[in-house]
Each structure stands twice: as C-alpha cells, then as structure tokens.
N, C-alpha and C. Protein backbone atom coordinates (compact mmCIF):
# COMPACT_ATOMS: atom_id res chain seq x y z
N MET A 1 103.69 64.63 147.51
CA MET A 1 104.12 64.37 146.15
C MET A 1 105.61 64.08 146.16
N ASN A 2 106.01 63.15 145.36
CA ASN A 2 107.41 62.79 145.23
C ASN A 2 108.18 63.92 144.57
N ARG A 3 109.31 64.33 145.14
CA ARG A 3 110.11 65.44 144.61
C ARG A 3 110.73 65.12 143.25
N ALA A 4 110.80 63.85 142.89
CA ALA A 4 111.40 63.47 141.61
C ALA A 4 110.60 64.01 140.43
N PHE A 5 109.33 64.29 140.65
CA PHE A 5 108.46 64.74 139.56
C PHE A 5 108.12 66.23 139.64
N VAL A 6 108.77 66.95 140.52
CA VAL A 6 108.53 68.37 140.65
C VAL A 6 109.65 69.12 139.95
N LYS A 7 109.29 70.05 139.11
CA LYS A 7 110.27 70.82 138.35
C LYS A 7 110.94 71.84 139.26
N ASP A 8 112.24 71.89 139.20
CA ASP A 8 113.01 72.85 139.97
C ASP A 8 112.85 74.22 139.31
N PRO A 9 112.43 75.24 140.05
CA PRO A 9 112.22 76.55 139.45
C PRO A 9 113.49 77.14 138.83
N ASP A 10 114.66 76.73 139.30
CA ASP A 10 115.92 77.24 138.75
C ASP A 10 116.20 76.67 137.36
N ASP A 11 115.53 75.58 136.97
CA ASP A 11 115.76 74.96 135.67
C ASP A 11 114.89 75.54 134.57
N THR A 12 114.01 76.46 134.90
CA THR A 12 113.12 77.04 133.90
C THR A 12 113.93 77.73 132.80
N GLY A 13 113.65 77.37 131.57
CA GLY A 13 114.32 78.00 130.44
C GLY A 13 115.66 77.39 130.07
N ARG A 14 116.14 76.44 130.85
CA ARG A 14 117.40 75.79 130.51
C ARG A 14 117.13 74.67 129.51
N PRO A 15 117.97 74.57 128.48
CA PRO A 15 117.76 73.50 127.51
C PRO A 15 118.16 72.15 128.09
N GLU A 16 117.52 71.13 127.58
CA GLU A 16 117.87 69.78 127.98
C GLU A 16 119.29 69.51 127.50
N GLU A 17 120.07 68.81 128.30
CA GLU A 17 121.45 68.48 127.94
C GLU A 17 121.44 67.53 126.75
N LEU A 18 122.05 67.98 125.65
CA LEU A 18 122.08 67.17 124.44
C LEU A 18 123.40 66.42 124.33
N PRO A 19 123.35 65.16 123.93
CA PRO A 19 124.61 64.45 123.70
C PRO A 19 125.26 65.00 122.43
N GLU A 20 126.58 65.03 122.41
CA GLU A 20 127.30 65.48 121.21
C GLU A 20 127.09 64.47 120.09
N ARG A 21 127.09 64.95 118.87
CA ARG A 21 127.04 64.07 117.70
C ARG A 21 128.41 63.43 117.55
N SER A 22 128.43 62.12 117.40
CA SER A 22 129.71 61.44 117.34
C SER A 22 130.36 61.59 115.96
N GLN A 23 131.67 61.71 115.98
CA GLN A 23 132.46 61.82 114.76
C GLN A 23 132.86 60.42 114.30
N SER A 24 132.94 60.24 113.01
CA SER A 24 133.40 58.98 112.45
C SER A 24 134.86 58.76 112.80
N PRO A 25 135.26 57.52 113.04
CA PRO A 25 136.67 57.26 113.32
C PRO A 25 137.54 57.28 112.05
N HIS A 26 136.92 57.34 110.88
CA HIS A 26 137.64 57.31 109.61
C HIS A 26 138.14 58.71 109.23
N THR A 27 139.18 58.73 108.41
CA THR A 27 139.67 59.99 107.86
C THR A 27 138.52 60.65 107.10
N ASN A 28 138.37 61.96 107.27
CA ASN A 28 137.27 62.67 106.62
C ASN A 28 137.70 63.18 105.24
N TYR A 29 137.86 62.24 104.29
CA TYR A 29 138.17 62.63 102.93
C TYR A 29 136.96 63.33 102.33
N VAL A 30 137.21 64.41 101.61
CA VAL A 30 136.13 65.14 100.94
C VAL A 30 136.55 65.51 99.52
N THR A 31 135.59 65.51 98.64
CA THR A 31 135.80 66.01 97.29
C THR A 31 135.69 67.53 97.35
N PRO A 32 136.08 68.24 96.30
CA PRO A 32 135.88 69.69 96.30
C PRO A 32 134.41 70.07 96.53
N THR A 33 133.49 69.31 95.96
CA THR A 33 132.06 69.58 96.18
C THR A 33 131.68 69.34 97.64
N GLY A 34 132.15 68.24 98.21
CA GLY A 34 131.88 67.93 99.61
C GLY A 34 132.45 68.99 100.55
N TRP A 35 133.63 69.50 100.20
CA TRP A 35 134.27 70.58 100.99
C TRP A 35 133.39 71.82 101.01
N ARG A 36 132.90 72.20 99.82
CA ARG A 36 132.03 73.39 99.74
C ARG A 36 130.73 73.15 100.52
N GLN A 37 130.19 71.95 100.46
CA GLN A 37 128.96 71.65 101.19
C GLN A 37 129.16 71.74 102.70
N LEU A 38 130.29 71.24 103.19
CA LEU A 38 130.57 71.33 104.63
C LEU A 38 130.72 72.79 105.07
N GLN A 39 131.45 73.57 104.28
CA GLN A 39 131.63 74.98 104.63
C GLN A 39 130.30 75.73 104.60
N ALA A 40 129.45 75.42 103.64
CA ALA A 40 128.14 76.06 103.55
C ALA A 40 127.28 75.69 104.76
N ARG A 41 127.38 74.44 105.20
CA ARG A 41 126.59 74.01 106.36
C ARG A 41 127.04 74.74 107.62
N VAL A 42 128.35 74.91 107.79
CA VAL A 42 128.87 75.64 108.95
C VAL A 42 128.38 77.09 108.90
N ALA A 43 128.46 77.71 107.74
CA ALA A 43 128.01 79.11 107.61
C ALA A 43 126.52 79.23 107.90
N GLU A 44 125.73 78.30 107.39
CA GLU A 44 124.28 78.31 107.61
C GLU A 44 123.95 78.17 109.10
N LEU A 45 124.64 77.26 109.79
CA LEU A 45 124.40 77.07 111.22
C LEU A 45 124.86 78.28 112.03
N ALA A 46 125.96 78.91 111.64
CA ALA A 46 126.45 80.10 112.34
C ALA A 46 125.45 81.24 112.22
N VAL A 47 124.87 81.41 111.04
CA VAL A 47 123.85 82.45 110.83
C VAL A 47 122.63 82.15 111.69
N ARG A 48 122.20 80.88 111.68
CA ARG A 48 121.01 80.50 112.47
C ARG A 48 121.27 80.72 113.97
N ARG A 49 122.47 80.38 114.43
CA ARG A 49 122.82 80.59 115.84
C ARG A 49 122.74 82.08 116.18
N GLN A 50 123.30 82.92 115.32
CA GLN A 50 123.27 84.36 115.55
C GLN A 50 121.84 84.89 115.60
N GLN A 51 120.99 84.39 114.70
CA GLN A 51 119.58 84.81 114.68
C GLN A 51 118.91 84.44 116.00
N LEU A 52 119.16 83.23 116.48
CA LEU A 52 118.56 82.78 117.74
C LEU A 52 119.07 83.61 118.91
N LEU A 53 120.35 83.94 118.92
CA LEU A 53 120.90 84.75 120.00
C LEU A 53 120.30 86.15 120.00
N GLU A 54 120.07 86.70 118.80
CA GLU A 54 119.47 88.03 118.70
C GLU A 54 118.01 88.04 119.14
N GLU A 55 117.34 86.90 119.00
CA GLU A 55 115.94 86.81 119.45
C GLU A 55 115.86 86.79 120.97
N GLY A 56 116.95 86.42 121.61
CA GLY A 56 117.04 86.47 123.07
C GLY A 56 116.01 85.61 123.77
N ARG A 57 115.26 86.23 124.68
CA ARG A 57 114.32 85.50 125.53
C ARG A 57 113.16 84.90 124.75
N LEU A 58 112.92 85.36 123.54
CA LEU A 58 111.81 84.83 122.76
C LEU A 58 112.11 83.45 122.17
N VAL A 59 113.38 83.09 122.13
CA VAL A 59 113.78 81.84 121.50
C VAL A 59 113.60 80.65 122.44
N ASN A 60 113.30 79.52 121.86
CA ASN A 60 113.23 78.27 122.61
C ASN A 60 114.68 77.85 122.89
N PRO A 61 115.07 77.72 124.16
CA PRO A 61 116.46 77.38 124.49
C PRO A 61 116.90 76.05 123.87
N GLN A 62 115.96 75.16 123.68
CA GLN A 62 116.29 73.86 123.08
C GLN A 62 116.72 74.03 121.62
N ASP A 63 116.06 74.95 120.90
CA ASP A 63 116.43 75.20 119.50
C ASP A 63 117.88 75.70 119.42
N LEU A 64 118.24 76.61 120.31
CA LEU A 64 119.60 77.15 120.33
C LEU A 64 120.60 76.04 120.67
N ALA A 65 120.26 75.18 121.61
CA ALA A 65 121.16 74.09 122.00
C ALA A 65 121.41 73.14 120.84
N VAL A 66 120.38 72.84 120.06
CA VAL A 66 120.52 71.94 118.90
C VAL A 66 121.42 72.58 117.85
N VAL A 67 121.19 73.86 117.56
CA VAL A 67 122.00 74.55 116.55
C VAL A 67 123.46 74.62 117.00
N GLN A 68 123.70 74.93 118.26
CA GLN A 68 125.07 75.02 118.76
C GLN A 68 125.77 73.66 118.71
N ARG A 69 125.05 72.61 119.06
CA ARG A 69 125.64 71.26 118.99
C ARG A 69 125.98 70.90 117.55
N ASP A 70 125.05 71.16 116.62
CA ASP A 70 125.29 70.84 115.21
C ASP A 70 126.43 71.68 114.64
N LEU A 71 126.53 72.92 115.06
CA LEU A 71 127.62 73.79 114.61
C LEU A 71 128.96 73.23 115.07
N ARG A 72 129.05 72.78 116.32
CA ARG A 72 130.29 72.17 116.81
C ARG A 72 130.64 70.93 115.98
N TYR A 73 129.64 70.12 115.67
CA TYR A 73 129.85 68.90 114.89
C TYR A 73 130.42 69.23 113.51
N TYR A 74 129.78 70.15 112.79
CA TYR A 74 130.22 70.47 111.44
C TYR A 74 131.55 71.24 111.42
N GLU A 75 131.80 72.06 112.43
CA GLU A 75 133.10 72.72 112.51
C GLU A 75 134.20 71.67 112.65
N GLU A 76 133.94 70.65 113.44
CA GLU A 76 134.93 69.57 113.60
C GLU A 76 135.08 68.78 112.31
N ARG A 77 133.98 68.56 111.58
CA ARG A 77 134.06 67.86 110.28
C ARG A 77 134.96 68.66 109.32
N VAL A 78 134.81 69.97 109.32
CA VAL A 78 135.65 70.82 108.48
C VAL A 78 137.11 70.76 108.95
N ASN A 79 137.33 70.83 110.25
CA ASN A 79 138.70 70.78 110.79
C ASN A 79 139.39 69.45 110.46
N ARG A 80 138.63 68.37 110.41
CA ARG A 80 139.19 67.04 110.14
C ARG A 80 139.22 66.70 108.65
N ALA A 81 138.67 67.58 107.82
CA ALA A 81 138.55 67.28 106.39
C ALA A 81 139.91 67.21 105.70
N VAL A 82 140.03 66.23 104.81
CA VAL A 82 141.21 66.08 103.97
C VAL A 82 140.70 66.19 102.54
N LEU A 83 141.00 67.32 101.91
CA LEU A 83 140.51 67.58 100.56
C LEU A 83 141.28 66.73 99.55
N VAL A 84 140.54 65.98 98.75
CA VAL A 84 141.12 65.15 97.70
C VAL A 84 140.53 65.62 96.37
N ASP A 85 141.40 66.11 95.49
CA ASP A 85 140.94 66.55 94.18
C ASP A 85 141.18 65.43 93.19
N PRO A 86 140.12 64.75 92.77
CA PRO A 86 140.29 63.60 91.87
C PRO A 86 140.74 64.00 90.47
N ALA A 87 140.66 65.27 90.12
CA ALA A 87 141.01 65.71 88.77
C ALA A 87 142.46 65.38 88.42
N GLY A 88 143.33 65.33 89.39
CA GLY A 88 144.74 65.06 89.12
C GLY A 88 145.12 63.59 89.16
N MET A 89 144.15 62.71 89.34
CA MET A 89 144.45 61.29 89.47
C MET A 89 144.36 60.57 88.12
N ALA A 90 145.03 59.43 88.07
CA ALA A 90 145.05 58.65 86.83
C ALA A 90 143.64 58.17 86.47
N PRO A 91 143.28 58.31 85.19
CA PRO A 91 141.92 57.94 84.77
C PRO A 91 141.72 56.45 84.51
N ASP A 92 142.77 55.64 84.68
CA ASP A 92 142.64 54.22 84.36
C ASP A 92 142.33 53.33 85.56
N ARG A 93 142.20 53.91 86.74
CA ARG A 93 141.86 53.17 87.96
C ARG A 93 140.76 53.89 88.71
N VAL A 94 139.96 53.11 89.42
CA VAL A 94 138.90 53.68 90.25
C VAL A 94 139.55 54.23 91.52
N HIS A 95 139.23 55.46 91.85
CA HIS A 95 139.76 56.08 93.07
C HIS A 95 138.71 57.02 93.65
N PHE A 96 139.06 57.59 94.79
CA PHE A 96 138.17 58.52 95.47
C PHE A 96 137.80 59.65 94.52
N GLY A 97 136.51 59.94 94.43
CA GLY A 97 136.01 61.02 93.59
C GLY A 97 135.63 60.60 92.18
N ALA A 98 136.02 59.39 91.79
CA ALA A 98 135.71 58.91 90.45
C ALA A 98 134.25 58.45 90.35
N THR A 99 133.71 58.57 89.15
CA THR A 99 132.39 58.03 88.84
C THR A 99 132.61 56.77 88.02
N VAL A 100 131.93 55.69 88.40
CA VAL A 100 132.18 54.39 87.81
C VAL A 100 130.88 53.79 87.29
N ASP A 101 130.91 53.30 86.05
CA ASP A 101 129.78 52.54 85.49
C ASP A 101 130.14 51.08 85.63
N VAL A 102 129.21 50.30 86.17
CA VAL A 102 129.43 48.87 86.36
C VAL A 102 128.26 48.07 85.79
N CYS A 103 128.53 46.81 85.48
CA CYS A 103 127.49 45.91 84.99
C CYS A 103 127.55 44.65 85.84
N ASP A 104 126.39 44.22 86.37
CA ASP A 104 126.37 43.01 87.20
C ASP A 104 126.09 41.77 86.33
N GLU A 105 126.01 40.60 86.99
CA GLU A 105 125.82 39.33 86.28
C GLU A 105 124.52 39.30 85.48
N ALA A 106 123.51 40.05 85.92
CA ALA A 106 122.21 40.07 85.25
C ALA A 106 122.18 41.07 84.09
N GLY A 107 123.28 41.76 83.87
CA GLY A 107 123.32 42.73 82.79
C GLY A 107 122.83 44.12 83.19
N GLU A 108 122.52 44.31 84.46
CA GLU A 108 122.07 45.62 84.96
C GLU A 108 123.26 46.56 85.07
N ILE A 109 123.10 47.75 84.52
CA ILE A 109 124.17 48.75 84.58
C ILE A 109 123.82 49.79 85.64
N ALA A 110 124.81 50.14 86.44
CA ALA A 110 124.62 51.15 87.49
C ALA A 110 125.82 52.08 87.49
N THR A 111 125.61 53.27 87.99
CA THR A 111 126.67 54.28 88.07
C THR A 111 126.82 54.72 89.52
N TYR A 112 128.06 54.77 90.00
CA TYR A 112 128.35 55.18 91.36
C TYR A 112 129.50 56.18 91.35
N THR A 113 129.45 57.13 92.29
CA THR A 113 130.55 58.06 92.50
C THR A 113 131.04 57.83 93.92
N ILE A 114 132.34 57.68 94.08
CA ILE A 114 132.93 57.42 95.40
C ILE A 114 133.31 58.74 96.04
N VAL A 115 132.68 59.03 97.18
CA VAL A 115 132.83 60.32 97.86
C VAL A 115 133.06 60.13 99.36
N GLY A 116 133.17 61.23 100.08
CA GLY A 116 133.33 61.20 101.53
C GLY A 116 132.02 60.85 102.22
N GLU A 117 132.12 60.54 103.49
CA GLU A 117 130.95 60.12 104.28
C GLU A 117 129.85 61.17 104.31
N ASP A 118 130.21 62.45 104.40
CA ASP A 118 129.22 63.51 104.50
C ASP A 118 128.48 63.73 103.19
N GLU A 119 129.07 63.32 102.10
CA GLU A 119 128.53 63.59 100.77
C GLU A 119 127.70 62.42 100.22
N ALA A 120 127.83 61.25 100.84
CA ALA A 120 127.18 60.04 100.32
C ALA A 120 125.66 60.15 100.36
N ALA A 121 125.03 59.85 99.22
CA ALA A 121 123.57 59.82 99.09
C ALA A 121 123.24 59.29 97.71
N GLN A 122 122.19 58.55 97.61
CA GLN A 122 121.72 57.97 96.34
C GLN A 122 122.86 57.24 95.63
N SER A 123 123.27 57.67 94.45
CA SER A 123 124.31 56.95 93.71
C SER A 123 125.72 57.40 94.10
N LYS A 124 125.82 58.27 95.09
CA LYS A 124 127.13 58.65 95.63
C LYS A 124 127.37 57.77 96.85
N ILE A 125 128.46 57.01 96.82
CA ILE A 125 128.72 56.06 97.90
C ILE A 125 129.95 56.47 98.69
N SER A 126 129.91 56.22 99.98
CA SER A 126 131.02 56.54 100.87
C SER A 126 132.21 55.65 100.54
N TRP A 127 133.40 56.23 100.62
CA TRP A 127 134.63 55.49 100.33
C TRP A 127 134.85 54.33 101.28
N ILE A 128 134.16 54.32 102.43
CA ILE A 128 134.33 53.22 103.39
C ILE A 128 133.27 52.14 103.24
N SER A 129 132.35 52.29 102.30
CA SER A 129 131.30 51.29 102.10
C SER A 129 131.88 50.03 101.45
N PRO A 130 131.24 48.88 101.66
CA PRO A 130 131.72 47.65 101.02
C PRO A 130 131.76 47.74 99.49
N LEU A 131 130.82 48.45 98.90
CA LEU A 131 130.83 48.61 97.45
C LEU A 131 132.04 49.41 97.00
N ALA A 132 132.31 50.52 97.67
CA ALA A 132 133.48 51.32 97.32
C ALA A 132 134.77 50.53 97.53
N GLU A 133 134.83 49.78 98.60
CA GLU A 133 136.03 48.96 98.85
C GLU A 133 136.26 47.98 97.72
N ALA A 134 135.18 47.41 97.17
CA ALA A 134 135.31 46.48 96.04
C ALA A 134 135.78 47.20 94.78
N LEU A 135 135.32 48.43 94.58
CA LEU A 135 135.62 49.17 93.36
C LEU A 135 136.98 49.87 93.37
N LEU A 136 137.42 50.35 94.52
CA LEU A 136 138.65 51.13 94.59
C LEU A 136 139.85 50.38 94.03
N ASN A 137 140.61 51.05 93.20
CA ASN A 137 141.83 50.56 92.55
C ASN A 137 141.57 49.57 91.42
N ALA A 138 140.32 49.30 91.10
CA ALA A 138 140.02 48.41 89.97
C ALA A 138 140.29 49.16 88.67
N GLU A 139 140.59 48.40 87.63
CA GLU A 139 140.87 48.98 86.31
C GLU A 139 139.70 48.76 85.38
N LEU A 140 139.67 49.53 84.32
CA LEU A 140 138.65 49.41 83.29
C LEU A 140 138.62 47.97 82.77
N GLY A 141 137.42 47.38 82.70
CA GLY A 141 137.26 46.01 82.21
C GLY A 141 137.44 44.95 83.28
N GLU A 142 137.96 45.32 84.42
CA GLU A 142 138.19 44.37 85.51
C GLU A 142 136.87 43.96 86.15
N GLU A 143 136.83 42.73 86.67
CA GLU A 143 135.67 42.25 87.41
C GLU A 143 136.01 42.25 88.89
N VAL A 144 135.13 42.82 89.70
CA VAL A 144 135.34 42.87 91.15
C VAL A 144 134.22 42.13 91.84
N VAL A 145 134.46 41.75 93.08
CA VAL A 145 133.45 41.05 93.88
C VAL A 145 133.00 41.99 95.00
N TRP A 146 131.70 42.25 95.00
CA TRP A 146 131.09 43.09 96.03
C TRP A 146 130.50 42.17 97.08
N ARG A 147 131.09 42.14 98.26
CA ARG A 147 130.59 41.32 99.36
C ARG A 147 129.55 42.13 100.12
N ARG A 148 128.34 41.61 100.15
CA ARG A 148 127.23 42.32 100.79
C ARG A 148 126.41 41.34 101.60
N PRO A 149 125.58 41.82 102.52
CA PRO A 149 124.78 40.92 103.36
C PRO A 149 123.87 39.98 102.55
N ALA A 150 123.39 40.44 101.40
CA ALA A 150 122.50 39.62 100.58
C ALA A 150 123.27 38.61 99.73
N GLY A 151 124.57 38.57 99.86
CA GLY A 151 125.40 37.67 99.07
C GLY A 151 126.34 38.44 98.17
N THR A 152 127.32 37.74 97.64
CA THR A 152 128.29 38.42 96.79
C THR A 152 127.70 38.70 95.41
N LYS A 153 128.23 39.74 94.80
CA LYS A 153 127.79 40.14 93.47
C LYS A 153 129.02 40.52 92.67
N ARG A 154 129.11 40.01 91.46
CA ARG A 154 130.23 40.34 90.57
C ARG A 154 129.86 41.55 89.72
N LEU A 155 130.80 42.48 89.63
CA LEU A 155 130.59 43.70 88.85
C LEU A 155 131.76 43.90 87.90
N GLU A 156 131.44 44.22 86.66
CA GLU A 156 132.48 44.54 85.68
C GLU A 156 132.57 46.06 85.55
N ILE A 157 133.77 46.58 85.55
CA ILE A 157 133.99 48.01 85.42
C ILE A 157 133.87 48.37 83.94
N LEU A 158 132.84 49.14 83.59
CA LEU A 158 132.60 49.53 82.20
C LEU A 158 133.23 50.87 81.85
N ALA A 159 133.22 51.80 82.78
CA ALA A 159 133.77 53.13 82.52
C ALA A 159 134.22 53.77 83.82
N ILE A 160 135.24 54.59 83.74
CA ILE A 160 135.74 55.37 84.88
C ILE A 160 135.83 56.81 84.41
N ARG A 161 135.12 57.69 85.11
CA ARG A 161 135.14 59.11 84.76
C ARG A 161 135.68 59.93 85.92
N ILE A 162 136.56 60.84 85.57
CA ILE A 162 137.14 61.74 86.56
C ILE A 162 136.49 63.10 86.39
N PRO A 163 136.00 63.70 87.49
CA PRO A 163 135.38 65.03 87.33
C PRO A 163 136.44 66.07 86.97
N PRO A 164 136.03 67.06 86.20
CA PRO A 164 136.98 68.14 85.85
C PRO A 164 137.34 68.95 87.09
N ALA A 165 138.46 69.60 87.05
CA ALA A 165 138.89 70.45 88.16
C ALA A 165 137.88 71.57 88.35
N PRO A 166 137.55 71.88 89.62
CA PRO A 166 136.56 72.94 89.88
C PRO A 166 137.07 74.32 89.54
C-alpha cells in the first residue's frame, strides 16, 4: 500500500490546519452598533472556546480550531476598528452612519444605511460599496450616479437621517 494514504498514528486527534480568515485592506470603520456587535462576537467566541477547552478530550479538535481561528479574526477586527459616531455629523450631507432615502428614475424609493463592512446586510450597505461611494457627501435633493455592473442608475436624495447618540 502506498504510504501517502496511510494515516500517521501521531496525527490522531490533531485538527486540520486551517487557513486564517483574511482581513479587509480597508479601514475598519464601525458605527456604535457595529462596535457593540463586534465586541459581542468576540465575547461569544471566547466563551465557546472556554467551553470546548473544559470539555477536553471529548471535544472535536476541529471545532476548537475553528473557534480559535474565528476568535483571532474578530479580535483583530476589534483592534483595527475605528469608531465613528454619526450623531455629531452635519445632517445636510450623506456620511458614514447616515440613513438615506433615494428615488430612482422609475420612481422606486429605497432606504439605505451606510455602515462598516462587518455590519453590512440587507438595506445596510458597506461604506466601500459602489452605492455608498455614489451617495457619500451628497446633499439633500442632489442627484447621484450609481455605477453598477448592470449599468448606471440615477438616484435622487430624498432624505438624510442621522441616528441619535447611543
């Protein structure tokens, strides 16, 4: 039998080597809500890691390796975080943390909130997305051009809302 397919007895119970989760090259801007979410994720992973360590030999080593890798990733996200509180910003321009109502050429109205990469989901868009880039620094009533793979789209800024201070 070829030795390449025989398991080394010394490797029993060792987790498979996991690649690290890559960090974004962009500044990790976070809203106060995003900051709390990152801290909660770190705390949750630290508790899970401790539980797995207490289980000792009963735990699947791969589960522990995944939790430890994810914990390193989120700890680094917290370390790199730059907290931006939109409450102190001018309400007449679109900026990080603002919620914006827009209307497209077809008359469809949509609402977006510009947030950090970790917080983006559904109508919350990352500050580095093409849509956010089109909206940032626009004023109320201004028309912006959203360049997207499906073609450009014109959007009129209908409203800009700043979240209250937490």
